[in-house]
Amino acid sequence: MLSIIKDEEAGFKSAMRGLALSKKQPLKNMPKLALKLAFMDGGHNKFLEAMYLWLEVRAPRYWWQEADTFRLASKQSESTMHTLINEIKNFEIGDLNRQSPEAAFIKANFETGSIGMEQFNTLIQHAKDGDLVLCKAALPEGFLQRRLWVINYKCFRNIILQRRTHRLPHWKQFIQGVLQQCDHPELLPTWEC
């Protein structure tokens, strides 16, 4: 369960202006030159570093651990300390059924099958006790966390090249989701699922 929403994109015009300065050519020629240089490494495509994507990504913790590999990024996360604990501690320990608030909470915040009743009850108890450390430790890897992730096109290019054949299907979904929403996919490696 992965969702990607492009919040904002910026930098194309400035990247073209910078490219024009470095090549001492008219600005109007730069989009065509950019198409050529975007696929050349060794510093030729450094203009991609000036083009940014702000993405709201909702993904499981185990995916975020891998995403943190890509350091040319900035991120802000939903708080597990402030929001999750407060939401959980109001539940009553008991059985989950399809109509319960607990079941709705689990469906909204955890990958299917990633948390069982016993583990959820443990989480509730730690939250009620106000034990942040144990509550965070009890979160399964399938806990879905939203982050606003800021990456530039060059970083995204690296993600495409390094993760397009990855065993985790989340990477293919991420790449496809971003490519469908970005304004200049022509500057990125083509990729078929």
C-alpha atoms as a PDB file:
ATOM      1  CA  MET A   1       0.000   0.000   0.000  1.00  0.00           C
ATOM      2  CA  LEU A   2       1.849   3.039  -1.312  1.00  0.00           C
ATOM      3  CA  SER A   3       0.417   6.370  -2.370  1.00  0.00           C
ATOM      4  CA  ILE A   4       2.210   9.242  -4.063  1.00  0.00           C
ATOM      5  CA  ILE A   5       0.762  12.701  -4.567  1.00  0.00           C
ATOM      6  CA  LYS A   6       2.837  15.407  -6.208  1.00  0.00           C
ATOM      7  CA  ASP A   7       2.351  18.470  -4.067  1.00  0.00           C
ATOM      8  CA  GLU A   8       4.513  20.837  -6.073  1.00  0.00           C
ATOM      9  CA  GLU A   9       7.230  20.999  -8.727  1.00  0.00           C
ATOM     10  CA  ALA A  10       9.652  23.809  -9.399  1.00  0.00           C
ATOM     11  CA  GLY A  11      12.930  24.730 -10.991  1.00  0.00           C
ATOM     12  CA  PHE A  12      12.651  23.937 -14.702  1.00  0.00           C
ATOM     13  CA  LYS A  13      12.839  27.562 -15.824  1.00  0.00           C
ATOM     14  CA  SER A  14      15.768  28.312 -13.513  1.00  0.00           C
ATOM     15  CA  ALA A  15      17.554  25.106 -14.514  1.00  0.00           C
ATOM     16  CA  MET A  16      17.265  26.128 -18.175  1.00  0.00           C
ATOM     17  CA  ARG A  17      18.552  29.606 -17.333  1.00  0.00           C
ATOM     18  CA  GLY A  18      21.562  28.120 -15.527  1.00  0.00           C
ATOM     19  CA  LEU A  19      22.208  25.785 -18.437  1.00  0.00           C
ATOM     20  CA  ALA A  20      22.106  28.753 -20.840  1.00  0.00           C
ATOM     21  CA  LEU A  21      24.653  30.587 -18.696  1.00  0.00           C
ATOM     22  CA  SER A  22      27.028  27.633 -18.638  1.00  0.00           C
ATOM     23  CA  LYS A  23      26.711  26.973 -22.378  1.00  0.00           C
ATOM     24  CA  LYS A  24      26.633  30.660 -23.369  1.00  0.00           C
ATOM     25  CA  GLN A  25      23.695  29.971 -25.645  1.00  0.00           C
ATOM     26  CA  PRO A  26      20.226  31.526 -25.934  1.00  0.00           C
ATOM     27  CA  LEU A  27      17.662  30.377 -23.371  1.00  0.00           C
ATOM     28  CA  LYS A  28      15.282  29.285 -26.141  1.00  0.00           C
ATOM     29  CA  ASN A  29      17.764  26.539 -27.180  1.00  0.00           C
ATOM     30  CA  MET A  30      18.022  24.999 -23.723  1.00  0.00           C
ATOM     31  CA  PRO A  31      15.031  22.592 -23.599  1.00  0.00           C
ATOM     32  CA  LYS A  32      16.395  20.763 -26.658  1.00  0.00           C
ATOM     33  CA  LEU A  33      19.918  20.682 -25.192  1.00  0.00           C
ATOM     34  CA  ALA A  34      18.523  19.557 -21.834  1.00  0.00           C
ATOM     35  CA  LEU A  35      16.963  16.505 -23.525  1.00  0.00           C
ATOM     36  CA  LYS A  36      20.417  15.501 -24.721  1.00  0.00           C
ATOM     37  CA  LEU A  37      22.345  16.277 -21.520  1.00  0.00           C
ATOM     38  CA  ALA A  38      19.820  14.751 -19.101  1.00  0.00           C
ATOM     39  CA  PHE A  39      21.062  11.261 -19.983  1.00  0.00           C
ATOM     40  CA  MET A  40      24.770  12.081 -19.723  1.00  0.00           C
ATOM     41  CA  ASP A  41      26.379  11.582 -16.352  1.00  0.00           C
ATOM     42  CA  GLY A  42      29.722  12.971 -15.220  1.00  0.00           C
ATOM     43  CA  GLY A  43      28.346  16.422 -14.448  1.00  0.00           C
ATOM     44  CA  HIS A  44      26.730  17.038 -17.814  1.00  0.00           C
ATOM     45  CA  ASN A  45      23.257  16.672 -16.302  1.00  0.00           C
ATOM     46  CA  LYS A  46      23.841  18.685 -13.133  1.00  0.00           C
ATOM     47  CA  PHE A  47      21.032  21.052 -14.165  1.00  0.00           C
ATOM     48  CA  LEU A  48      18.651  18.287 -12.978  1.00  0.00           C
ATOM     49  CA  GLU A  49      19.743  19.148  -9.419  1.00  0.00           C
ATOM     50  CA  ALA A  50      17.887  22.473  -9.742  1.00  0.00           C
ATOM     51  CA  MET A  51      14.538  20.840 -10.537  1.00  0.00           C
ATOM     52  CA  TYR A  52      12.573  19.777  -7.459  1.00  0.00           C
ATOM     53  CA  LEU A  53       9.554  17.637  -6.663  1.00  0.00           C
ATOM     54  CA  TRP A  54       7.589  17.849  -3.429  1.00  0.00           C
ATOM     55  CA  LEU A  55       5.881  14.490  -2.968  1.00  0.00           C
ATOM     56  CA  GLU A  56       3.467  13.348  -0.290  1.00  0.00           C
ATOM     57  CA  VAL A  57       4.273   9.665   0.055  1.00  0.00           C
ATOM     58  CA  ARG A  58       2.458   7.197   2.284  1.00  0.00           C
ATOM     59  CA  ALA A  59       4.492   4.026   2.679  1.00  0.00           C
ATOM     60  CA  PRO A  60       5.366   1.353   5.222  1.00  0.00           C
ATOM     61  CA  ARG A  61       8.283   1.838   7.577  1.00  0.00           C
ATOM     62  CA  TYR A  62      10.362  -0.853   5.853  1.00  0.00           C
ATOM     63  CA  TRP A  63      10.128   1.072   2.563  1.00  0.00           C
ATOM     64  CA  TRP A  64      11.111   4.355   4.232  1.00  0.00           C
ATOM     65  CA  GLN A  65      14.240   2.658   5.591  1.00  0.00           C
ATOM     66  CA  GLU A  66      15.328   1.998   2.018  1.00  0.00           C
ATOM     67  CA  ALA A  67      14.205   5.408   0.764  1.00  0.00           C
ATOM     68  CA  ASP A  68      16.502   7.041   3.316  1.00  0.00           C
ATOM     69  CA  THR A  69      19.397   5.733   1.174  1.00  0.00           C
ATOM     70  CA  PHE A  70      18.767   8.630  -1.199  1.00  0.00           C
ATOM     71  CA  ARG A  71      20.369  11.502   0.686  1.00  0.00           C
ATOM     72  CA  LEU A  72      19.783  14.289  -1.808  1.00  0.00           C
ATOM     73  CA  ALA A  73      16.400  14.858  -0.279  1.00  0.00           C
ATOM     74  CA  SER A  74      14.543  16.499   2.539  1.00  0.00           C
ATOM     75  CA  LYS A  75      11.535  15.112   4.352  1.00  0.00           C
ATOM     76  CA  GLN A  76       8.966  15.913   6.989  1.00  0.00           C
ATOM     77  CA  SER A  77       6.974  13.100   8.583  1.00  0.00           C
ATOM     78  CA  GLU A  78       3.714  12.626  10.385  1.00  0.00           C
ATOM     79  CA  SER A  79       4.541  12.380  14.045  1.00  0.00           C
ATOM     80  CA  THR A  80       4.324   9.018  15.745  1.00  0.00           C
ATOM     81  CA  MET A  81       5.099  10.718  19.046  1.00  0.00           C
ATOM     82  CA  HIS A  82       2.374  13.359  18.988  1.00  0.00           C
ATOM     83  CA  THR A  83      -0.416  11.990  16.847  1.00  0.00           C
ATOM     84  CA  LEU A  84      -0.224   8.203  16.856  1.00  0.00           C
ATOM     85  CA  ILE A  85       0.051   7.761  20.623  1.00  0.00           C
ATOM     86  CA  ASN A  86      -2.845  10.117  21.290  1.00  0.00           C
ATOM     87  CA  GLU A  87      -5.027   8.346  18.735  1.00  0.00           C
ATOM     88  CA  ILE A  88      -4.234   4.847  20.017  1.00  0.00           C
ATOM     89  CA  LYS A  89      -4.594   5.430  23.750  1.00  0.00           C
ATOM     90  CA  ASN A  90      -8.319   6.155  23.387  1.00  0.00           C
ATOM     91  CA  PHE A  91      -9.098   2.636  22.156  1.00  0.00           C
ATOM     92  CA  GLU A  92     -10.362  -0.102  24.426  1.00  0.00           C
ATOM     93  CA  ILE A  93      -8.545  -3.392  24.415  1.00  0.00           C
ATOM     94  CA  GLY A  94     -10.841  -5.985  22.924  1.00  0.00           C
ATOM     95  CA  ASP A  95     -11.797  -7.788  19.765  1.00  0.00           C
ATOM     96  CA  LEU A  96     -11.648  -6.197  16.363  1.00  0.00           C
ATOM     97  CA  ASN A  97     -14.654  -6.362  14.132  1.00  0.00           C
ATOM     98  CA  ARG A  98     -15.336  -4.758  10.764  1.00  0.00           C
ATOM     99  CA  GLN A  99     -17.345  -1.837  12.168  1.00  0.00           C
ATOM    100  CA  SER A 100     -15.142  -1.008  15.160  1.00  0.00           C
ATOM    101  CA  PRO A 101     -13.086   2.194  15.374  1.00  0.00           C
ATOM    102  CA  GLU A 102     -10.047  -0.006  16.033  1.00  0.00           C
ATOM    103  CA  ALA A 103     -10.541  -1.882  12.746  1.00  0.00           C
ATOM    104  CA  ALA A 104     -10.915   1.384  10.828  1.00  0.00           C
ATOM    105  CA  PHE A 105      -7.774   2.753  12.506  1.00  0.00           C
ATOM    106  CA  ILE A 106      -5.784  -0.363  11.630  1.00  0.00           C
ATOM    107  CA  LYS A 107      -6.996  -0.322   8.020  1.00  0.00           C
ATOM    108  CA  ALA A 108      -5.997   3.343   7.680  1.00  0.00           C
ATOM    109  CA  ASN A 109      -2.591   3.059   9.339  1.00  0.00           C
ATOM    110  CA  PHE A 110      -1.169  -0.425   8.751  1.00  0.00           C
ATOM    111  CA  GLU A 111      -0.492  -2.629   5.748  1.00  0.00           C
ATOM    112  CA  THR A 112      -2.928  -5.506   5.552  1.00  0.00           C
ATOM    113  CA  GLY A 113      -1.786  -8.359   7.773  1.00  0.00           C
ATOM    114  CA  SER A 114       1.077  -6.424   9.365  1.00  0.00           C
ATOM    115  CA  ILE A 115      -0.479  -6.181  12.841  1.00  0.00           C
ATOM    116  CA  GLY A 116      -2.516  -8.730  14.727  1.00  0.00           C
ATOM    117  CA  MET A 117      -4.924  -8.266  17.613  1.00  0.00           C
ATOM    118  CA  GLU A 118      -2.357  -9.182  20.266  1.00  0.00           C
ATOM    119  CA  GLN A 119       0.212  -6.730  18.907  1.00  0.00           C
ATOM    120  CA  PHE A 120      -2.423  -3.993  18.576  1.00  0.00           C
ATOM    121  CA  ASN A 121      -3.550  -4.573  22.177  1.00  0.00           C
ATOM    122  CA  THR A 122       0.093  -4.277  23.282  1.00  0.00           C
ATOM    123  CA  LEU A 123       0.340  -1.003  21.372  1.00  0.00           C
ATOM    124  CA  ILE A 124      -2.849   0.272  23.037  1.00  0.00           C
ATOM    125  CA  GLN A 125      -1.538  -0.638  26.496  1.00  0.00           C
ATOM    126  CA  HIS A 126       1.820   1.102  25.925  1.00  0.00           C
ATOM    127  CA  ALA A 127      -0.018   4.201  24.684  1.00  0.00           C
ATOM    128  CA  LYS A 128      -2.325   4.198  27.725  1.00  0.00           C
ATOM    129  CA  ASP A 129       0.733   3.849  29.976  1.00  0.00           C
ATOM    130  CA  GLY A 130       2.311   6.819  28.188  1.00  0.00           C
ATOM    131  CA  ASP A 131       5.385   4.733  27.307  1.00  0.00           C
ATOM    132  CA  LEU A 132       6.525   6.308  24.074  1.00  0.00           C
ATOM    133  CA  VAL A 133       9.585   4.089  23.645  1.00  0.00           C
ATOM    134  CA  LEU A 134       7.677   0.816  24.011  1.00  0.00           C
ATOM    135  CA  CYS A 135       4.839   2.143  21.870  1.00  0.00           C
ATOM    136  CA  LYS A 136       7.219   3.019  19.043  1.00  0.00           C
ATOM    137  CA  ALA A 137       9.031  -0.305  19.472  1.00  0.00           C
ATOM    138  CA  ALA A 138       5.713  -2.160  19.138  1.00  0.00           C
ATOM    139  CA  LEU A 139       4.925  -0.543  15.774  1.00  0.00           C
ATOM    140  CA  PRO A 140       5.200  -3.135  13.022  1.00  0.00           C
ATOM    141  CA  GLU A 141       7.245  -2.552   9.893  1.00  0.00           C
ATOM    142  CA  GLY A 142       3.926  -2.380   8.058  1.00  0.00           C
ATOM    143  CA  PHE A 143       2.970   0.852   9.843  1.00  0.00           C
ATOM    144  CA  LEU A 144       2.095   3.345   7.093  1.00  0.00           C
ATOM    145  CA  GLN A 145       3.696   6.733   7.524  1.00  0.00           C
ATOM    146  CA  ARG A 146       3.148   9.824   5.389  1.00  0.00           C
ATOM    147  CA  ARG A 147       6.062  12.073   4.609  1.00  0.00           C
ATOM    148  CA  LEU A 148       6.467  15.136   2.473  1.00  0.00           C
ATOM    149  CA  TRP A 149       9.563  14.144   0.543  1.00  0.00           C
ATOM    150  CA  VAL A 150      11.502  16.746  -1.425  1.00  0.00           C
ATOM    151  CA  ILE A 151      13.753  15.305  -4.115  1.00  0.00           C
ATOM    152  CA  ASN A 152      15.381  16.755  -7.170  1.00  0.00           C
ATOM    153  CA  TYR A 153      15.239  15.255 -10.640  1.00  0.00           C
ATOM    154  CA  LYS A 154      18.810  13.994 -10.428  1.00  0.00           C
ATOM    155  CA  CYS A 155      18.006  12.098  -7.232  1.00  0.00           C
ATOM    156  CA  PHE A 156      14.863  10.696  -8.839  1.00  0.00           C
ATOM    157  CA  ARG A 157      16.922   9.672 -11.881  1.00  0.00           C
ATOM    158  CA  ASN A 158      19.179   7.698  -9.527  1.00  0.00           C
ATOM    159  CA  ILE A 159      16.149   6.084  -7.905  1.00  0.00           C
ATOM    160  CA  ILE A 160      14.885   4.973 -11.324  1.00  0.00           C
ATOM    161  CA  LEU A 161      18.248   3.547 -12.349  1.00  0.00           C
ATOM    162  CA  GLN A 162      18.955   1.846  -9.020  1.00  0.00           C
ATOM    163  CA  ARG A 163      15.482   0.597  -8.032  1.00  0.00           C
ATOM    164  CA  ARG A 164      13.644  -0.220 -11.247  1.00  0.00           C
ATOM    165  CA  THR A 165      14.418  -3.929 -10.889  1.00  0.00           C
ATOM    166  CA  HIS A 166      14.231  -4.050  -7.089  1.00  0.00           C
ATOM    167  CA  ARG A 167      12.504  -7.006  -5.416  1.00  0.00           C
ATOM    168  CA  LEU A 168      10.186  -4.766  -3.405  1.00  0.00           C
ATOM    169  CA  PRO A 169       7.237  -3.963  -5.701  1.00  0.00           C
ATOM    170  CA  HIS A 170       6.834  -0.652  -3.860  1.00  0.00           C
ATOM    171  CA  TRP A 171       9.751   0.793  -5.841  1.00  0.00           C
ATOM    172  CA  LYS A 172       8.100   0.096  -9.181  1.00  0.00           C
ATOM    173  CA  GLN A 173       4.892   1.633  -7.873  1.00  0.00           C
ATOM    174  CA  PHE A 174       6.795   4.685  -6.596  1.00  0.00           C
ATOM    175  CA  ILE A 175       8.649   5.207  -9.881  1.00  0.00           C
ATOM    176  CA  GLN A 176       5.483   4.844 -11.971  1.00  0.00           C
ATOM    177  CA  GLY A 177       3.519   7.119  -9.635  1.00  0.00           C
ATOM    178  CA  VAL A 178       6.080   9.912  -9.811  1.00  0.00           C
ATOM    179  CA  LEU A 179       6.657   9.588 -13.573  1.00  0.00           C
ATOM    180  CA  GLN A 180       2.907   9.919 -14.160  1.00  0.00           C
ATOM    181  CA  GLN A 181       2.781  13.158 -12.178  1.00  0.00           C
ATOM    182  CA  CYS A 182       6.041  14.989 -12.914  1.00  0.00           C
ATOM    183  CA  ASP A 183       6.064  17.804 -15.457  1.00  0.00           C
ATOM    184  CA  HIS A 184       9.197  16.747 -17.359  1.00  0.00           C
ATOM    185  CA  PRO A 185       9.361  12.935 -17.598  1.00  0.00           C
ATOM    186  CA  GLU A 186      11.189  13.364 -20.887  1.00  0.00           C
ATOM    187  CA  LEU A 187      14.294  14.301 -18.880  1.00  0.00           C
ATOM    188  CA  LEU A 188      14.224  10.996 -16.977  1.00  0.00           C
ATOM    189  CA  PRO A 189      15.110   7.448 -18.013  1.00  0.00           C
ATOM    190  CA  THR A 190      12.246   5.626 -19.671  1.00  0.00           C
ATOM    191  CA  TRP A 191      11.035   2.630 -17.817  1.00  0.00           C
ATOM    192  CA  GLU A 192       8.469  -0.007 -18.462  1.00  0.00           C
ATOM    193  CA  CYS A 193       7.052  -2.173 -15.695  1.00  0.00           C
END
